[in-house]
Amino acid sequence: MLKALQADLEIIRERDPAARGTLEILLCYPGLHALTLHRLSHRLWRWRTPLLPRLLSQLGRWVTGIEIHPGARIGRGVFIDHGMGVVIGETAVVGDQCLLYQGVTLGGTGKAHGQRHPMLQSNVVVGAGAKVLGAIEVGANTRIGAGSVLLRDVAPNSTVVGIPGRVIHQSGVRIDPLAHSALPDAEAQVIRSLMERLDHLEGELARTQSCLQLLAAGQPIEEAYRGEAQNLKDREILAFLGEEEAGEESEG
C-alpha cells in the first residue's frame, strides 16, 4: 500500500505542474483519494469480505465523484486527473503509469460473467469524456482522444479519436501524455478530402459539358484532360468510415 501510494505521489508530481507539494497532493487531489480507498477495498474484495468493499467504493464515490468497483485491478503510478465522473467497472484492468481524465468510463457490455470490461496496458492516456467499452485490450503507450468511444482492440503505440474510435496514427514513438493539442483532426482531413473530390468531379463535369457543346457545334474535340487520380483520397475516406477494413476482411 505504501509503495503504491509513493508511486501515485511521484506520477502526480511528474505530470501535474499545478502540484506544489506533497501535503497539497495528499489533501487536495481526489484522484489520489479514490485510488487509496480503492486499494483498500480491492484487498478486502480479494479476501471475499462481504459488503465492506462496496461500502468503501461508495464512500469514495461520494467524496471524490470517482466510482471504482472494488474488483477492478489498478497498477502503480496511475493518475486520475480531476476525476469527476470517472467510472471503472468490476473486471477492468488499468496498467502502470496510465493517465485518466475527468468523465472517463471503462465500462462493460452485456450481462455475461467473466471479463467484460477493458484492459489498459501501461502508459495509456484516456482523454476527458472518452468511453472505452467491452472486454477489449488497449496496447501500451496508446492515446485515446477526448470524447472518443472505443469499442475494439487497439495495438500499442496508437492514437485513437472519433465515435466510434478509430486508429489514426501508430508508431513506436513514446507519447507525451499531456500533449492533447497534438492530436490530429481526422474529421477535418476527411472533409478536406471530400471537398477536393467534389472539386475534381465538378471540373470533370464542366469539361464534359464543354465537349458536348463542341460536338453540337460540329467542332473538333481536343483530348480531354483527365486530372489526377483520386484513389488516395478515396482510400482516406473509406479508412475513416471503416469500410476499407471491412472490405479486406470480406475478401479474405
C-alpha atoms as a PDB file:
ATOM      1  CA  MET A   1       0.000   0.000   0.000  1.00  0.00           C
ATOM      2  CA  LEU A   2       2.762   2.444   0.941  1.00  0.00           C
ATOM      3  CA  LYS A   3       4.770   1.664  -2.200  1.00  0.00           C
ATOM      4  CA  ALA A   4       1.669   2.168  -4.335  1.00  0.00           C
ATOM      5  CA  LEU A   5       0.952   5.485  -2.592  1.00  0.00           C
ATOM      6  CA  GLN A   6       4.535   6.615  -3.194  1.00  0.00           C
ATOM      7  CA  ALA A   7       4.247   5.753  -6.902  1.00  0.00           C
ATOM      8  CA  ASP A   8       0.954   7.667  -7.118  1.00  0.00           C
ATOM      9  CA  LEU A   9       2.541  10.720  -5.495  1.00  0.00           C
ATOM     10  CA  GLU A  10       5.521  10.613  -7.874  1.00  0.00           C
ATOM     11  CA  ILE A  11       3.372  10.433 -11.001  1.00  0.00           C
ATOM     12  CA  ILE A  12       1.278  13.401  -9.864  1.00  0.00           C
ATOM     13  CA  ARG A  13       4.420  15.472  -9.297  1.00  0.00           C
ATOM     14  CA  GLU A  14       5.698  14.448 -12.724  1.00  0.00           C
ATOM     15  CA  ARG A  15       2.533  15.078 -14.730  1.00  0.00           C
ATOM     16  CA  ASP A  16       0.762  17.946 -12.986  1.00  0.00           C
ATOM     17  CA  PRO A  17       2.563  21.314 -12.997  1.00  0.00           C
ATOM     18  CA  ALA A  18      -0.065  22.615 -10.543  1.00  0.00           C
ATOM     19  CA  ALA A  19       1.147  20.255  -7.806  1.00  0.00           C
ATOM     20  CA  ARG A  20       3.222  22.340  -5.386  1.00  0.00           C
ATOM     21  CA  GLY A  21       3.991  19.921  -2.605  1.00  0.00           C
ATOM     22  CA  THR A  22       3.310  16.542  -1.027  1.00  0.00           C
ATOM     23  CA  LEU A  23       0.901  17.913   1.568  1.00  0.00           C
ATOM     24  CA  GLU A  24      -1.157  19.676  -1.101  1.00  0.00           C
ATOM     25  CA  ILE A  25      -1.342  16.462  -3.154  1.00  0.00           C
ATOM     26  CA  LEU A  26      -2.388  14.407  -0.127  1.00  0.00           C
ATOM     27  CA  LEU A  27      -5.140  16.837   0.829  1.00  0.00           C
ATOM     28  CA  CYS A  28      -6.416  18.219  -2.474  1.00  0.00           C
ATOM     29  CA  TYR A  29      -6.248  15.504  -5.155  1.00  0.00           C
ATOM     30  CA  PRO A  30      -9.482  13.462  -5.388  1.00  0.00           C
ATOM     31  CA  GLY A  31      -7.891  11.002  -7.807  1.00  0.00           C
ATOM     32  CA  LEU A  32      -5.331  10.076  -5.164  1.00  0.00           C
ATOM     33  CA  HIS A  33      -8.046   9.733  -2.518  1.00  0.00           C
ATOM     34  CA  ALA A  34     -10.129   7.487  -4.777  1.00  0.00           C
ATOM     35  CA  LEU A  35      -7.167   5.253  -5.623  1.00  0.00           C
ATOM     36  CA  THR A  36      -6.121   4.931  -1.972  1.00  0.00           C
ATOM     37  CA  LEU A  37      -9.621   3.896  -0.941  1.00  0.00           C
ATOM     38  CA  HIS A  38      -9.773   1.520  -3.906  1.00  0.00           C
ATOM     39  CA  ARG A  39      -6.551  -0.243  -2.948  1.00  0.00           C
ATOM     40  CA  LEU A  40      -8.024  -0.957   0.479  1.00  0.00           C
ATOM     41  CA  SER A  41     -11.416  -2.048  -0.903  1.00  0.00           C
ATOM     42  CA  HIS A  42      -9.718  -4.221  -3.551  1.00  0.00           C
ATOM     43  CA  ARG A  43      -7.726  -6.070  -0.905  1.00  0.00           C
ATOM     44  CA  LEU A  44     -10.895  -6.712   1.096  1.00  0.00           C
ATOM     45  CA  TRP A  45     -12.588  -7.829  -2.158  1.00  0.00           C
ATOM     46  CA  ARG A  46      -9.833 -10.377  -2.760  1.00  0.00           C
ATOM     47  CA  TRP A  47     -10.316 -11.643   0.791  1.00  0.00           C
ATOM     48  CA  ARG A  48     -14.027 -12.113  -0.067  1.00  0.00           C
ATOM     49  CA  THR A  49     -15.097  -9.753   2.697  1.00  0.00           C
ATOM     50  CA  PRO A  50     -18.869  -9.220   2.395  1.00  0.00           C
ATOM     51  CA  LEU A  51     -20.365  -5.781   1.752  1.00  0.00           C
ATOM     52  CA  LEU A  52     -17.498  -3.684   3.206  1.00  0.00           C
ATOM     53  CA  PRO A  53     -15.566  -3.350  -0.100  1.00  0.00           C
ATOM     54  CA  ARG A  54     -18.666  -1.992  -1.848  1.00  0.00           C
ATOM     55  CA  LEU A  55     -19.306   0.402   1.041  1.00  0.00           C
ATOM     56  CA  LEU A  56     -15.768   1.775   0.728  1.00  0.00           C
ATOM     57  CA  SER A  57     -16.258   2.119  -3.033  1.00  0.00           C
ATOM     58  CA  GLN A  58     -19.486   4.024  -2.429  1.00  0.00           C
ATOM     59  CA  LEU A  59     -17.756   6.249   0.117  1.00  0.00           C
ATOM     60  CA  GLY A  60     -15.059   7.048  -2.446  1.00  0.00           C
ATOM     61  CA  ARG A  61     -17.746   7.943  -4.967  1.00  0.00           C
ATOM     62  CA  TRP A  62     -19.499  10.310  -2.539  1.00  0.00           C
ATOM     63  CA  VAL A  63     -16.259  12.019  -1.502  1.00  0.00           C
ATOM     64  CA  THR A  64     -14.461  12.262  -4.852  1.00  0.00           C
ATOM     65  CA  GLY A  65     -17.040  11.785  -7.633  1.00  0.00           C
ATOM     66  CA  ILE A  66     -14.961   8.832  -8.891  1.00  0.00           C
ATOM     67  CA  GLU A  67     -16.528   5.369  -8.957  1.00  0.00           C
ATOM     68  CA  ILE A  68     -14.153   2.416  -8.938  1.00  0.00           C
ATOM     69  CA  HIS A  69     -15.562  -1.053  -8.401  1.00  0.00           C
ATOM     70  CA  PRO A  70     -13.520  -2.917  -5.763  1.00  0.00           C
ATOM     71  CA  GLY A  71     -12.970  -5.770  -8.214  1.00  0.00           C
ATOM     72  CA  ALA A  72     -11.063  -3.567 -10.706  1.00  0.00           C
ATOM     73  CA  ARG A  73      -7.291  -4.102 -10.893  1.00  0.00           C
ATOM     74  CA  ILE A  74      -5.238  -0.909 -10.990  1.00  0.00           C
ATOM     75  CA  GLY A  75      -1.467  -0.722 -11.343  1.00  0.00           C
ATOM     76  CA  ARG A  76       1.045   1.636  -9.783  1.00  0.00           C
ATOM     77  CA  GLY A  77       1.650   5.209 -10.807  1.00  0.00           C
ATOM     78  CA  VAL A  78      -1.888   5.699 -12.138  1.00  0.00           C
ATOM     79  CA  PHE A  79      -3.045   9.333 -12.223  1.00  0.00           C
ATOM     80  CA  ILE A  80      -6.742  10.237 -12.310  1.00  0.00           C
ATOM     81  CA  ASP A  81      -6.575  13.963 -13.079  1.00  0.00           C
ATOM     82  CA  HIS A  82      -9.507  15.958 -11.618  1.00  0.00           C
ATOM     83  CA  GLY A  83     -11.523  12.766 -11.962  1.00  0.00           C
ATOM     84  CA  MET A  84     -15.123  13.879 -11.543  1.00  0.00           C
ATOM     85  CA  GLY A  85     -17.400  11.385 -13.283  1.00  0.00           C
ATOM     86  CA  VAL A  86     -14.772   8.673 -13.835  1.00  0.00           C
ATOM     87  CA  VAL A  87     -16.282   5.159 -13.760  1.00  0.00           C
ATOM     88  CA  ILE A  88     -14.161   1.995 -13.690  1.00  0.00           C
ATOM     89  CA  GLY A  89     -16.022  -1.317 -13.836  1.00  0.00           C
ATOM     90  CA  GLU A  90     -15.587  -4.562 -11.947  1.00  0.00           C
ATOM     91  CA  THR A  91     -13.333  -6.502 -14.337  1.00  0.00           C
ATOM     92  CA  ALA A  92     -11.420  -3.502 -15.718  1.00  0.00           C
ATOM     93  CA  VAL A  93      -7.624  -3.586 -15.650  1.00  0.00           C
ATOM     94  CA  VAL A  94      -5.598  -0.349 -15.622  1.00  0.00           C
ATOM     95  CA  GLY A  95      -1.855  -0.772 -16.160  1.00  0.00           C
ATOM     96  CA  ASP A  96       1.031   1.118 -14.608  1.00  0.00           C
ATOM     97  CA  GLN A  97       1.550   4.810 -15.419  1.00  0.00           C
ATOM     98  CA  CYS A  98      -1.882   5.258 -17.027  1.00  0.00           C
ATOM     99  CA  LEU A  99      -3.488   8.701 -17.080  1.00  0.00           C
ATOM    100  CA  LEU A 100      -7.291   9.141 -16.942  1.00  0.00           C
ATOM    101  CA  TYR A 101      -9.068  12.477 -17.205  1.00  0.00           C
ATOM    102  CA  GLN A 102     -12.490  13.515 -15.952  1.00  0.00           C
ATOM    103  CA  GLY A 103     -15.569  11.805 -17.348  1.00  0.00           C
ATOM    104  CA  VAL A 104     -13.745   8.661 -18.495  1.00  0.00           C
ATOM    105  CA  THR A 105     -15.709   5.405 -18.466  1.00  0.00           C
ATOM    106  CA  LEU A 106     -14.134   1.963 -18.536  1.00  0.00           C
ATOM    107  CA  GLY A 107     -17.427   0.158 -18.935  1.00  0.00           C
ATOM    108  CA  GLY A 108     -18.736  -3.308 -19.645  1.00  0.00           C
ATOM    109  CA  THR A 109     -21.094  -4.616 -22.284  1.00  0.00           C
ATOM    110  CA  GLY A 110     -23.642  -7.385 -21.841  1.00  0.00           C
ATOM    111  CA  LYS A 111     -24.552  -9.384 -18.745  1.00  0.00           C
ATOM    112  CA  ALA A 112     -22.192 -12.330 -19.165  1.00  0.00           C
ATOM    113  CA  HIS A 113     -19.889 -13.225 -16.297  1.00  0.00           C
ATOM    114  CA  GLY A 114     -16.129 -13.095 -16.666  1.00  0.00           C
ATOM    115  CA  GLN A 115     -14.046 -10.397 -18.342  1.00  0.00           C
ATOM    116  CA  ARG A 116     -16.423  -7.757 -19.697  1.00  0.00           C
ATOM    117  CA  HIS A 117     -14.514  -4.508 -19.111  1.00  0.00           C
ATOM    118  CA  PRO A 118     -11.454  -3.039 -20.861  1.00  0.00           C
ATOM    119  CA  MET A 119      -7.827  -3.849 -20.170  1.00  0.00           C
ATOM    120  CA  LEU A 120      -5.424  -0.905 -20.465  1.00  0.00           C
ATOM    121  CA  GLN A 121      -1.749  -1.721 -20.799  1.00  0.00           C
ATOM    122  CA  SER A 122       0.924   0.564 -19.321  1.00  0.00           C
ATOM    123  CA  ASN A 123       1.204   4.290 -20.115  1.00  0.00           C
ATOM    124  CA  VAL A 124      -2.203   4.634 -21.769  1.00  0.00           C
ATOM    125  CA  VAL A 125      -3.754   8.121 -21.807  1.00  0.00           C
ATOM    126  CA  VAL A 126      -7.555   8.397 -21.910  1.00  0.00           C
ATOM    127  CA  GLY A 127      -8.823  11.922 -22.650  1.00  0.00           C
ATOM    128  CA  ALA A 128     -11.703  13.707 -20.941  1.00  0.00           C
ATOM    129  CA  GLY A 129     -15.123  12.173 -21.557  1.00  0.00           C
ATOM    130  CA  ALA A 130     -13.784   9.178 -23.504  1.00  0.00           C
ATOM    131  CA  LYS A 131     -15.626   5.854 -23.219  1.00  0.00           C
ATOM    132  CA  VAL A 132     -13.798   2.532 -23.508  1.00  0.00           C
ATOM    133  CA  LEU A 133     -16.393  -0.234 -23.571  1.00  0.00           C
ATOM    134  CA  GLY A 134     -16.328  -4.010 -23.541  1.00  0.00           C
ATOM    135  CA  ALA A 135     -13.723  -6.723 -22.998  1.00  0.00           C
ATOM    136  CA  ILE A 136     -11.156  -5.087 -25.255  1.00  0.00           C
ATOM    137  CA  GLU A 137      -7.419  -4.556 -24.865  1.00  0.00           C
ATOM    138  CA  VAL A 138      -5.698  -1.209 -25.378  1.00  0.00           C
ATOM    139  CA  GLY A 139      -1.997  -1.550 -26.111  1.00  0.00           C
ATOM    140  CA  ALA A 140       0.767   0.234 -24.234  1.00  0.00           C
ATOM    141  CA  ASN A 141       1.598   3.884 -25.000  1.00  0.00           C
ATOM    142  CA  THR A 142      -1.775   4.468 -26.674  1.00  0.00           C
ATOM    143  CA  ARG A 143      -3.557   7.812 -26.534  1.00  0.00           C
ATOM    144  CA  ILE A 144      -7.368   7.979 -26.720  1.00  0.00           C
ATOM    145  CA  GLY A 145      -8.675  11.420 -27.653  1.00  0.00           C
ATOM    146  CA  ALA A 146     -11.228  13.329 -25.582  1.00  0.00           C
ATOM    147  CA  GLY A 147     -14.839  12.334 -26.268  1.00  0.00           C
ATOM    148  CA  SER A 148     -13.930   9.187 -28.203  1.00  0.00           C
ATOM    149  CA  VAL A 149     -15.879   5.941 -27.901  1.00  0.00           C
ATOM    150  CA  LEU A 150     -13.597   2.921 -28.264  1.00  0.00           C
ATOM    151  CA  LEU A 151     -15.223  -0.471 -28.931  1.00  0.00           C
ATOM    152  CA  ARG A 152     -12.438  -2.716 -30.244  1.00  0.00           C
ATOM    153  CA  ASP A 153      -8.855  -3.738 -29.517  1.00  0.00           C
ATOM    154  CA  VAL A 154      -6.067  -1.289 -30.228  1.00  0.00           C
ATOM    155  CA  ALA A 155      -2.433  -2.148 -30.907  1.00  0.00           C
ATOM    156  CA  PRO A 156       0.351  -0.494 -28.876  1.00  0.00           C
ATOM    157  CA  ASN A 157       1.664   3.000 -29.724  1.00  0.00           C
ATOM    158  CA  SER A 158      -1.574   4.138 -31.362  1.00  0.00           C
ATOM    159  CA  THR A 159      -3.627   7.322 -31.375  1.00  0.00           C
ATOM    160  CA  VAL A 160      -7.417   6.873 -31.347  1.00  0.00           C
ATOM    161  CA  VAL A 161     -10.098   9.501 -31.974  1.00  0.00           C
ATOM    162  CA  GLY A 162     -13.743   9.649 -33.004  1.00  0.00           C
ATOM    163  CA  ILE A 163     -17.071   7.889 -32.486  1.00  0.00           C
ATOM    164  CA  PRO A 164     -16.589   5.015 -32.841  1.00  0.00           C
ATOM    165  CA  GLY A 165     -12.890   5.279 -32.047  1.00  0.00           C
ATOM    166  CA  ARG A 166     -10.537   4.801 -34.986  1.00  0.00           C
ATOM    167  CA  VAL A 167      -6.779   4.409 -35.038  1.00  0.00           C
ATOM    168  CA  ILE A 168      -5.453   7.406 -36.929  1.00  0.00           C
ATOM    169  CA  HIS A 169      -1.780   7.087 -36.099  1.00  0.00           C
ATOM    170  CA  GLN A 170       0.541   4.326 -34.983  1.00  0.00           C
ATOM    171  CA  SER A 171       4.252   4.470 -34.286  1.00  0.00           C
ATOM    172  CA  GLY A 172       6.900   3.387 -31.860  1.00  0.00           C
ATOM    173  CA  VAL A 173       7.466   6.902 -30.554  1.00  0.00           C
ATOM    174  CA  ARG A 174       6.733   7.342 -26.841  1.00  0.00           C
ATOM    175  CA  ILE A 175       3.856   9.766 -26.398  1.00  0.00           C
ATOM    176  CA  ASP A 176       3.746  12.887 -24.278  1.00  0.00           C
ATOM    177  CA  PRO A 177       0.689  12.281 -22.050  1.00  0.00           C
ATOM    178  CA  LEU A 178      -0.032  15.999 -21.726  1.00  0.00           C
ATOM    179  CA  ALA A 179       0.199  16.918 -25.432  1.00  0.00           C
ATOM    180  CA  HIS A 180      -3.524  16.824 -26.203  1.00  0.00           C
ATOM    181  CA  SER A 181      -3.218  19.638 -28.724  1.00  0.00           C
ATOM    182  CA  ALA A 182      -1.016  17.380 -30.853  1.00  0.00           C
ATOM    183  CA  LEU A 183      -3.874  15.019 -31.703  1.00  0.00           C
ATOM    184  CA  PRO A 184      -4.686  15.128 -35.433  1.00  0.00           C
ATOM    185  CA  ASP A 185      -8.170  16.123 -36.592  1.00  0.00           C
ATOM    186  CA  ALA A 186      -9.347  13.097 -38.585  1.00  0.00           C
ATOM    187  CA  GLU A 187     -12.773  14.565 -39.339  1.00  0.00           C
ATOM    188  CA  ALA A 188     -11.253  17.734 -40.791  1.00  0.00           C
ATOM    189  CA  GLN A 189      -8.918  15.686 -43.010  1.00  0.00           C
ATOM    190  CA  VAL A 190     -11.829  13.647 -44.380  1.00  0.00           C
ATOM    191  CA  ILE A 191     -13.871  16.808 -45.018  1.00  0.00           C
ATOM    192  CA  ARG A 192     -10.923  18.277 -46.941  1.00  0.00           C
ATOM    193  CA  SER A 193     -10.652  15.064 -48.976  1.00  0.00           C
ATOM    194  CA  LEU A 194     -14.382  15.177 -49.772  1.00  0.00           C
ATOM    195  CA  MET A 195     -14.141  18.837 -50.831  1.00  0.00           C
ATOM    196  CA  GLU A 196     -11.175  18.058 -53.103  1.00  0.00           C
ATOM    197  CA  ARG A 197     -13.084  15.100 -54.557  1.00  0.00           C
ATOM    198  CA  LEU A 198     -16.129  17.297 -55.184  1.00  0.00           C
ATOM    199  CA  ASP A 199     -13.967  19.944 -56.842  1.00  0.00           C
ATOM    200  CA  HIS A 200     -12.429  17.265 -59.073  1.00  0.00           C
ATOM    201  CA  LEU A 201     -15.858  15.916 -60.106  1.00  0.00           C
ATOM    202  CA  GLU A 202     -17.201  19.405 -60.820  1.00  0.00           C
ATOM    203  CA  GLY A 203     -14.186  20.057 -63.049  1.00  0.00           C
ATOM    204  CA  GLU A 204     -14.772  16.812 -64.935  1.00  0.00           C
ATOM    205  CA  LEU A 205     -18.448  17.708 -65.387  1.00  0.00           C
ATOM    206  CA  ALA A 206     -17.553  21.148 -66.759  1.00  0.00           C
ATOM    207  CA  ARG A 207     -15.135  19.586 -69.258  1.00  0.00           C
ATOM    208  CA  THR A 208     -17.793  17.074 -70.342  1.00  0.00           C
ATOM    209  CA  GLN A 209     -20.283  19.884 -70.938  1.00  0.00           C
ATOM    210  CA  SER A 210     -17.690  21.763 -72.976  1.00  0.00           C
ATOM    211  CA  CYS A 211     -17.085  18.680 -75.141  1.00  0.00           C
ATOM    212  CA  LEU A 212     -20.815  18.246 -75.757  1.00  0.00           C
ATOM    213  CA  GLN A 213     -21.106  21.884 -76.830  1.00  0.00           C
ATOM    214  CA  LEU A 214     -18.216  21.425 -79.295  1.00  0.00           C
ATOM    215  CA  LEU A 215     -19.849  18.299 -80.718  1.00  0.00           C
ATOM    216  CA  ALA A 216     -23.164  20.110 -81.135  1.00  0.00           C
ATOM    217  CA  ALA A 217     -21.365  22.904 -82.996  1.00  0.00           C
ATOM    218  CA  GLY A 218     -19.563  20.401 -85.242  1.00  0.00           C
ATOM    219  CA  GLN A 219     -16.128  21.446 -83.980  1.00  0.00           C
ATOM    220  CA  PRO A 220     -13.233  19.051 -83.266  1.00  0.00           C
ATOM    221  CA  ILE A 221     -12.673  17.940 -79.687  1.00  0.00           C
ATOM    222  CA  GLU A 222      -9.208  18.055 -78.203  1.00  0.00           C
ATOM    223  CA  GLU A 223      -8.045  15.231 -75.921  1.00  0.00           C
ATOM    224  CA  ALA A 224      -9.778  15.706 -72.623  1.00  0.00           C
ATOM    225  CA  TYR A 225      -7.698  16.287 -69.528  1.00  0.00           C
ATOM    226  CA  ARG A 226      -8.474  13.572 -67.005  1.00  0.00           C
ATOM    227  CA  GLY A 227      -6.885  15.143 -63.934  1.00  0.00           C
ATOM    228  CA  GLU A 228      -5.043  13.374 -61.163  1.00  0.00           C
ATOM    229  CA  ALA A 229      -6.338  10.080 -59.839  1.00  0.00           C
ATOM    230  CA  GLN A 230      -8.398  10.353 -56.666  1.00  0.00           C
ATOM    231  CA  ASN A 231      -7.765   6.827 -55.386  1.00  0.00           C
ATOM    232  CA  LEU A 232      -5.643   8.024 -52.474  1.00  0.00           C
ATOM    233  CA  LYS A 233      -8.301  10.474 -51.287  1.00  0.00           C
ATOM    234  CA  ASP A 234     -10.987   7.817 -51.668  1.00  0.00           C
ATOM    235  CA  ARG A 235      -8.928   5.414 -49.558  1.00  0.00           C
ATOM    236  CA  GLU A 236      -8.562   8.035 -46.822  1.00  0.00           C
ATOM    237  CA  ILE A 237     -12.340   8.491 -46.716  1.00  0.00           C
ATOM    238  CA  LEU A 238     -13.046   4.748 -46.715  1.00  0.00           C
ATOM    239  CA  ALA A 239     -10.461   4.156 -43.988  1.00  0.00           C
ATOM    240  CA  PHE A 240     -12.082   6.813 -41.797  1.00  0.00           C
ATOM    241  CA  LEU A 241     -15.523   5.260 -42.287  1.00  0.00           C
ATOM    242  CA  GLY A 242     -14.152   1.789 -41.571  1.00  0.00           C
ATOM    243  CA  GLU A 243     -15.285   0.479 -44.965  1.00  0.00           C
ATOM    244  CA  GLU A 244     -11.801  -0.371 -46.213  1.00  0.00           C
ATOM    245  CA  GLU A 245     -11.025  -2.767 -43.361  1.00  0.00           C
ATOM    246  CA  ALA A 246     -14.445  -4.394 -43.707  1.00  0.00           C
ATOM    247  CA  GLY A 247     -13.835  -4.924 -47.429  1.00  0.00           C
ATOM    248  CA  GLU A 248     -10.423  -6.515 -46.817  1.00  0.00           C
ATOM    249  CA  GLU A 249     -11.893  -8.889 -44.217  1.00  0.00           C
ATOM    250  CA  SER A 250     -14.698  -9.977 -46.587  1.00  0.00           C
ATOM    251  CA  GLU A 251     -12.202 -10.642 -49.395  1.00  0.00           C
ATOM    252  CA  GLY A 252     -10.088 -12.765 -47.078  1.00  0.00           C
END
